[in-house]
C-alpha atoms as a PDB file:
ATOM      1  CA  MET A   1      63.712  69.297  68.091  1.00  0.00           C
ATOM      2  CA  LYS A   2      63.020  72.952  67.961  1.00  0.00           C
ATOM      3  CA  ARG A   3      59.163  72.576  69.571  1.00  0.00           C
ATOM      4  CA  ALA A   4      60.534  69.860  71.893  1.00  0.00           C
ATOM      5  CA  TRP A   5      62.950  72.615  73.290  1.00  0.00           C
ATOM      6  CA  ILE A   6      60.243  75.272  73.511  1.00  0.00           C
ATOM      7  CA  GLU A   7      58.188  72.965  75.329  1.00  0.00           C
ATOM      8  CA  TYR A   8      60.906  72.173  77.914  1.00  0.00           C
ATOM      9  CA  GLN A   9      61.448  75.797  78.266  1.00  0.00           C
ATOM     10  CA  ALA A  10      57.609  76.081  78.818  1.00  0.00           C
ATOM     11  CA  ALA A  11      57.344  73.412  81.365  1.00  0.00           C
ATOM     12  CA  ARG A  12      60.179  74.572  83.112  1.00  0.00           C
ATOM     13  CA  HIS A  13      58.806  78.153  83.696  1.00  0.00           C
ATOM     14  CA  ARG A  14      55.610  76.434  84.994  1.00  0.00           C
ATOM     15  CA  ALA A  15      57.631  73.825  87.465  1.00  0.00           C
ATOM     16  CA  PRO A  16      56.902  75.487  91.186  1.00  0.00           C
ATOM     17  CA  THR A  17      59.976  73.878  92.459  1.00  0.00           C
ATOM     18  CA  ALA A  18      63.263  72.639  91.883  1.00  0.00           C
ATOM     19  CA  SER A  19      62.836  69.220  92.333  1.00  0.00           C
ATOM     20  CA  MET A  20      59.657  69.518  89.788  1.00  0.00           C
ATOM     21  CA  SER A  21      62.153  71.197  87.650  1.00  0.00           C
ATOM     22  CA  ASN A  22      64.577  68.255  87.823  1.00  0.00           C
ATOM     23  CA  LYS A  23      61.878  65.630  87.283  1.00  0.00           C
ATOM     24  CA  ILE A  24      60.711  67.502  83.949  1.00  0.00           C
ATOM     25  CA  MET A  25      64.514  68.070  83.201  1.00  0.00           C
ATOM     26  CA  GLN A  26      64.512  64.523  83.413  1.00  0.00           C
ATOM     27  CA  ILE A  27      61.660  63.563  81.359  1.00  0.00           C
ATOM     28  CA  TRP A  28      62.484  66.053  78.674  1.00  0.00           C
ATOM     29  CA  ARG A  29      65.990  64.576  78.536  1.00  0.00           C
ATOM     30  CA  GLU A  30      64.473  61.148  77.831  1.00  0.00           C
ATOM     31  CA  HIS A  31      62.370  62.638  75.155  1.00  0.00           C
ATOM     32  CA  TYR A  32      65.232  64.528  73.482  1.00  0.00           C
ATOM     33  CA  CYS A  33      67.191  61.502  73.540  1.00  0.00           C
ATOM     34  CA  SER A  34      64.285  59.557  71.639  1.00  0.00           C
ATOM     35  CA  ILE A  35      64.189  62.250  68.889  1.00  0.00           C
ATOM     36  CA  VAL A  36      67.976  62.505  68.263  1.00  0.00           C
ATOM     37  CA  PHE A  37      68.157  58.664  68.366  1.00  0.00           C
END
């Protein structure tokens, strides 16, 4: 869980545009849900 959050933060910092950031957020949220549930 913590590692996923760190990976998400790193990916978000690497994202050049807002749309890319939203896409990463969506992917990460799905990944996060799969971890939690």
